[in-house]
Amino acid sequence: MNQQHYRVVISYNGSDYFGWQDLGDGGEKPTVQFEVLQALRKISKYAQCVVAGASRTDA
């Protein structure tokens, strides 16, 4: 299967999350990365999606 790459720009209010990075706990403590991956899996129909994040915190 060919890999497909997409660029997605998002912004969010992270006050209800435990940071960006997936904690590997199956979503017990929700993180932004976990929610983004769940949404991508749902809309893409792929079981495995990879997300690379980059941010600026000095804005």
PDB file of N, CA and C in Angstrom:
ATOM      1  N   MET A   1       0.841  -1.174   0.000  1.00  0.00           N
ATOM      2  CA  MET A   1       0.000   0.000   0.000  1.00  0.00           C
ATOM      3  C   MET A   1       0.891   1.243   0.000  1.00  0.00           C
ATOM      4  N   ASN A   2       0.545   2.209  -0.787  1.00  0.00           N
ATOM      5  CA  ASN A   2       1.295   3.453  -0.854  1.00  0.00           C
ATOM      6  C   ASN A   2       0.998   4.322   0.357  1.00  0.00           C
ATOM      7  N   GLN A   3       2.041   4.966   0.865  1.00  0.00           N
ATOM      8  CA  GLN A   3       1.853   5.906   1.964  1.00  0.00           C
ATOM      9  C   GLN A   3       1.307   7.208   1.421  1.00  0.00           C
ATOM     10  N   GLN A   4       0.461   7.820   2.195  1.00  0.00           N
ATOM     11  CA  GLN A   4      -0.068   9.128   1.850  1.00  0.00           C
ATOM     12  C   GLN A   4       0.298  10.092   2.965  1.00  0.00           C
ATOM     13  N   HIS A   5       0.676  11.292   2.583  1.00  0.00           N
ATOM     14  CA  HIS A   5       1.073  12.304   3.554  1.00  0.00           C
ATOM     15  C   HIS A   5       0.151  13.506   3.407  1.00  0.00           C
ATOM     16  N   TYR A   6      -0.279  14.034   4.519  1.00  0.00           N
ATOM     17  CA  TYR A   6      -1.142  15.207   4.536  1.00  0.00           C
ATOM     18  C   TYR A   6      -0.604  16.185   5.562  1.00  0.00           C
ATOM     19  N   ARG A   7      -0.821  17.439   5.298  1.00  0.00           N
ATOM     20  CA  ARG A   7      -0.491  18.478   6.268  1.00  0.00           C
ATOM     21  C   ARG A   7      -1.805  19.028   6.789  1.00  0.00           C
ATOM     22  N   VAL A   8      -1.943  19.030   8.103  1.00  0.00           N
ATOM     23  CA  VAL A   8      -3.147  19.539   8.747  1.00  0.00           C
ATOM     24  C   VAL A   8      -2.711  20.558   9.788  1.00  0.00           C
ATOM     25  N   VAL A   9      -3.312  21.717   9.757  1.00  0.00           N
ATOM     26  CA  VAL A   9      -3.012  22.757  10.734  1.00  0.00           C
ATOM     27  C   VAL A   9      -4.214  22.870  11.664  1.00  0.00           C
ATOM     28  N   ILE A  10      -3.965  22.723  12.953  1.00  0.00           N
ATOM     29  CA  ILE A  10      -5.047  22.824  13.925  1.00  0.00           C
ATOM     30  C   ILE A  10      -4.657  23.796  15.027  1.00  0.00           C
ATOM     31  N   SER A  11      -5.651  24.312  15.687  1.00  0.00           N
ATOM     32  CA  SER A  11      -5.445  25.057  16.928  1.00  0.00           C
ATOM     33  C   SER A  11      -6.482  24.552  17.912  1.00  0.00           C
ATOM     34  N   TYR A  12      -6.196  24.672  19.176  1.00  0.00           N
ATOM     35  CA  TYR A  12      -7.089  24.086  20.167  1.00  0.00           C
ATOM     36  C   TYR A  12      -6.910  24.764  21.516  1.00  0.00           C
ATOM     37  N   ASN A  13      -7.926  24.650  22.338  1.00  0.00           N
ATOM     38  CA  ASN A  13      -7.865  25.037  23.737  1.00  0.00           C
ATOM     39  C   ASN A  13      -7.566  23.757  24.497  1.00  0.00           C
ATOM     40  N   GLY A  14      -6.412  23.649  25.063  1.00  0.00           N
ATOM     41  CA  GLY A  14      -5.988  22.409  25.697  1.00  0.00           C
ATOM     42  C   GLY A  14      -6.332  22.280  27.167  1.00  0.00           C
ATOM     43  N   SER A  15      -7.216  23.121  27.676  1.00  0.00           N
ATOM     44  CA  SER A  15      -7.484  23.101  29.117  1.00  0.00           C
ATOM     45  C   SER A  15      -8.126  21.806  29.609  1.00  0.00           C
ATOM     46  N   ASP A  16      -8.788  21.053  28.747  1.00  0.00           N
ATOM     47  CA  ASP A  16      -9.416  19.790  29.152  1.00  0.00           C
ATOM     48  C   ASP A  16      -8.532  18.576  28.870  1.00  0.00           C
ATOM     49  N   TYR A  17      -7.273  18.798  28.496  1.00  0.00           N
ATOM     50  CA  TYR A  17      -6.391  17.707  28.095  1.00  0.00           C
ATOM     51  C   TYR A  17      -5.152  17.656  28.976  1.00  0.00           C
ATOM     52  N   PHE A  18      -4.481  16.525  28.949  1.00  0.00           N
ATOM     53  CA  PHE A  18      -3.249  16.317  29.697  1.00  0.00           C
ATOM     54  C   PHE A  18      -2.062  16.488  28.758  1.00  0.00           C
ATOM     55  N   GLY A  19      -1.984  17.624  28.076  1.00  0.00           N
ATOM     56  CA  GLY A  19      -0.888  17.920  27.165  1.00  0.00           C
ATOM     57  C   GLY A  19      -1.140  17.424  25.751  1.00  0.00           C
ATOM     58  N   TRP A  20      -0.102  17.525  24.926  1.00  0.00           N
ATOM     59  CA  TRP A  20      -0.203  17.125  23.522  1.00  0.00           C
ATOM     60  C   TRP A  20       0.035  15.634  23.345  1.00  0.00           C
ATOM     61  N   GLN A  21       1.148  15.119  23.875  1.00  0.00           N
ATOM     62  CA  GLN A  21       1.636  13.786  23.529  1.00  0.00           C
ATOM     63  C   GLN A  21       0.758  12.673  24.088  1.00  0.00           C
ATOM     64  N   ASP A  22       0.484  11.692  23.223  1.00  0.00           N
ATOM     65  CA  ASP A  22      -0.271  10.503  23.621  1.00  0.00           C
ATOM     66  C   ASP A  22       0.469   9.805  24.755  1.00  0.00           C
ATOM     67  N   LEU A  23      -0.219   9.498  25.838  1.00  0.00           N
ATOM     68  CA  LEU A  23       0.403   8.890  27.011  1.00  0.00           C
ATOM     69  C   LEU A  23       0.437   7.373  26.952  1.00  0.00           C
ATOM     70  N   GLY A  24      -0.166   6.794  25.908  1.00  0.00           N
ATOM     71  CA  GLY A  24      -0.147   5.348  25.760  1.00  0.00           C
ATOM     72  C   GLY A  24      -1.047   4.618  26.741  1.00  0.00           C
ATOM     73  N   ASP A  25      -2.014   5.327  27.303  1.00  0.00           N
ATOM     74  CA  ASP A  25      -2.908   4.712  28.283  1.00  0.00           C
ATOM     75  C   ASP A  25      -4.301   4.448  27.722  1.00  0.00           C
ATOM     76  N   GLY A  26      -4.408   4.436  26.401  1.00  0.00           N
ATOM     77  CA  GLY A  26      -5.696   4.157  25.772  1.00  0.00           C
ATOM     78  C   GLY A  26      -6.712   5.265  25.940  1.00  0.00           C
ATOM     79  N   GLY A  27      -6.250   6.468  26.210  1.00  0.00           N
ATOM     80  CA  GLY A  27      -7.151   7.601  26.340  1.00  0.00           C
ATOM     81  C   GLY A  27      -7.694   7.806  27.740  1.00  0.00           C
ATOM     82  N   GLU A  28      -7.170   7.066  28.712  1.00  0.00           N
ATOM     83  CA  GLU A  28      -7.637   7.231  30.092  1.00  0.00           C
ATOM     84  C   GLU A  28      -7.456   8.677  30.552  1.00  0.00           C
ATOM     85  N   LYS A  29      -6.279   9.233  30.241  1.00  0.00           N
ATOM     86  CA  LYS A  29      -6.049  10.663  30.431  1.00  0.00           C
ATOM     87  C   LYS A  29      -6.013  11.251  29.026  1.00  0.00           C
ATOM     88  N   PRO A  30      -7.032  11.971  28.626  1.00  0.00           N
ATOM     89  CA  PRO A  30      -7.103  12.438  27.238  1.00  0.00           C
ATOM     90  C   PRO A  30      -6.003  13.443  26.897  1.00  0.00           C
ATOM     91  N   THR A  31      -5.395  13.233  25.734  1.00  0.00           N
ATOM     92  CA  THR A  31      -4.412  14.174  25.213  1.00  0.00           C
ATOM     93  C   THR A  31      -4.868  14.623  23.830  1.00  0.00           C
ATOM     94  N   VAL A  32      -4.329  15.722  23.386  1.00  0.00           N
ATOM     95  CA  VAL A  32      -4.699  16.245  22.073  1.00  0.00           C
ATOM     96  C   VAL A  32      -4.277  15.266  20.982  1.00  0.00           C
ATOM     97  N   GLN A  33      -3.075  14.715  21.058  1.00  0.00           N
ATOM     98  CA  GLN A  33      -2.606  13.778  20.039  1.00  0.00           C
ATOM     99  C   GLN A  33      -3.508  12.549  19.974  1.00  0.00           C
ATOM    100  N   PHE A  34      -3.915  12.023  21.110  1.00  0.00           N
ATOM    101  CA  PHE A  34      -4.802  10.855  21.131  1.00  0.00           C
ATOM    102  C   PHE A  34      -6.106  11.163  20.404  1.00  0.00           C
ATOM    103  N   GLU A  35      -6.695  12.321  20.677  1.00  0.00           N
ATOM    104  CA  GLU A  35      -7.963  12.694  20.045  1.00  0.00           C
ATOM    105  C   GLU A  35      -7.797  12.912  18.545  1.00  0.00           C
ATOM    106  N   VAL A  36      -6.684  13.529  18.145  1.00  0.00           N
ATOM    107  CA  VAL A  36      -6.422  13.741  16.715  1.00  0.00           C
ATOM    108  C   VAL A  36      -6.271  12.392  16.012  1.00  0.00           C
ATOM    109  N   LEU A  37      -5.523  11.475  16.614  1.00  0.00           N
ATOM    110  CA  LEU A  37      -5.352  10.147  16.016  1.00  0.00           C
ATOM    111  C   LEU A  37      -6.679   9.403  15.912  1.00  0.00           C
ATOM    112  N   GLN A  38      -7.504   9.486  16.936  1.00  0.00           N
ATOM    113  CA  GLN A  38      -8.812   8.829  16.895  1.00  0.00           C
ATOM    114  C   GLN A  38      -9.645   9.379  15.740  1.00  0.00           C
ATOM    115  N   ALA A  39      -9.642  10.688  15.579  1.00  0.00           N
ATOM    116  CA  ALA A  39     -10.416  11.311  14.503  1.00  0.00           C
ATOM    117  C   ALA A  39      -9.871  10.910  13.133  1.00  0.00           C
ATOM    118  N   LEU A  40      -8.542  10.887  12.977  1.00  0.00           N
ATOM    119  CA  LEU A  40      -7.946  10.493  11.697  1.00  0.00           C
ATOM    120  C   LEU A  40      -8.272   9.048  11.349  1.00  0.00           C
ATOM    121  N   ARG A  41      -8.208   8.167  12.335  1.00  0.00           N
ATOM    122  CA  ARG A  41      -8.546   6.762  12.088  1.00  0.00           C
ATOM    123  C   ARG A  41      -9.995   6.621  11.650  1.00  0.00           C
ATOM    124  N   LYS A  42     -10.855   7.403  12.252  1.00  0.00           N
ATOM    125  CA  LYS A  42     -12.282   7.322  11.933  1.00  0.00           C
ATOM    126  C   LYS A  42     -12.568   7.794  10.507  1.00  0.00           C
ATOM    127  N   ILE A  43     -11.990   8.925  10.113  1.00  0.00           N
ATOM    128  CA  ILE A  43     -12.304   9.462   8.786  1.00  0.00           C
ATOM    129  C   ILE A  43     -11.507   8.804   7.672  1.00  0.00           C
ATOM    130  N   SER A  44     -10.330   8.219   7.999  1.00  0.00           N
ATOM    131  CA  SER A  44      -9.495   7.631   6.953  1.00  0.00           C
ATOM    132  C   SER A  44      -9.731   6.142   6.766  1.00  0.00           C
ATOM    133  N   LYS A  45     -10.350   5.495   7.722  1.00  0.00           N
ATOM    134  CA  LYS A  45     -10.599   4.047   7.700  1.00  0.00           C
ATOM    135  C   LYS A  45      -9.318   3.233   7.823  1.00  0.00           C
ATOM    136  N   TYR A  46      -8.205   3.867   8.203  1.00  0.00           N
ATOM    137  CA  TYR A  46      -6.953   3.155   8.431  1.00  0.00           C
ATOM    138  C   TYR A  46      -6.811   2.864   9.918  1.00  0.00           C
ATOM    139  N   ALA A  47      -6.347   1.678  10.240  1.00  0.00           N
ATOM    140  CA  ALA A  47      -6.170   1.308  11.643  1.00  0.00           C
ATOM    141  C   ALA A  47      -4.968   2.016  12.256  1.00  0.00           C
ATOM    142  N   GLN A  48      -3.978   2.345  11.429  1.00  0.00           N
ATOM    143  CA  GLN A  48      -2.774   2.977  11.949  1.00  0.00           C
ATOM    144  C   GLN A  48      -2.529   4.295  11.242  1.00  0.00           C
ATOM    145  N   CYS A  49      -2.406   5.346  12.011  1.00  0.00           N
ATOM    146  CA  CYS A  49      -2.060   6.671  11.506  1.00  0.00           C
ATOM    147  C   CYS A  49      -0.907   7.190  12.358  1.00  0.00           C
ATOM    148  N   VAL A  50      -0.059   7.986  11.758  1.00  0.00           N
ATOM    149  CA  VAL A  50       1.078   8.558  12.467  1.00  0.00           C
ATOM    150  C   VAL A  50       0.942  10.068  12.426  1.00  0.00           C
ATOM    151  N   VAL A  51       1.181  10.696  13.565  1.00  0.00           N
ATOM    152  CA  VAL A  51       1.098  12.147  13.659  1.00  0.00           C
ATOM    153  C   VAL A  51       2.439  12.673  14.143  1.00  0.00           C
ATOM    154  N   ALA A  52       2.942  13.693  13.484  1.00  0.00           N
ATOM    155  CA  ALA A  52       4.131  14.409  13.940  1.00  0.00           C
ATOM    156  C   ALA A  52       3.691  15.825  14.267  1.00  0.00           C
ATOM    157  N   GLY A  53       3.999  16.284  15.451  1.00  0.00           N
ATOM    158  CA  GLY A  53       3.557  17.610  15.865  1.00  0.00           C
ATOM    159  C   GLY A  53       4.709  18.590  15.951  1.00  0.00           C
ATOM    160  N   ALA A  54       4.412  19.830  15.688  1.00  0.00           N
ATOM    161  CA  ALA A  54       5.370  20.917  15.850  1.00  0.00           C
ATOM    162  C   ALA A  54       4.595  22.121  16.358  1.00  0.00           C
ATOM    163  N   SER A  55       5.210  22.880  17.240  1.00  0.00           N
ATOM    164  CA  SER A  55       4.478  24.018  17.797  1.00  0.00           C
ATOM    165  C   SER A  55       5.439  25.127  18.189  1.00  0.00           C
ATOM    166  N   ARG A  56       4.843  26.262  18.466  1.00  0.00           N
ATOM    167  CA  ARG A  56       5.569  27.395  19.019  1.00  0.00           C
ATOM    168  C   ARG A  56       4.845  27.794  20.285  1.00  0.00           C
ATOM    169  N   THR A  57       5.573  27.959  21.338  1.00  0.00           N
ATOM    170  CA  THR A  57       4.948  28.323  22.604  1.00  0.00           C
ATOM    171  C   THR A  57       5.251  29.755  23.013  1.00  0.00           C
ATOM    172  N   ASP A  58       5.947  30.495  22.172  1.00  0.00           N
ATOM    173  CA  ASP A  58       6.314  31.864  22.528  1.00  0.00           C
ATOM    174  C   ASP A  58       5.429  32.906  21.861  1.00  0.00           C
ATOM    175  N   ALA A  59       4.292  32.482  21.334  1.00  0.00           N
ATOM    176  CA  ALA A  59       3.402  33.411  20.623  1.00  0.00           C
ATOM    177  C   ALA A  59       2.729  34.382  21.567  1.00  0.00           C
TER     178      ALA A  59
END
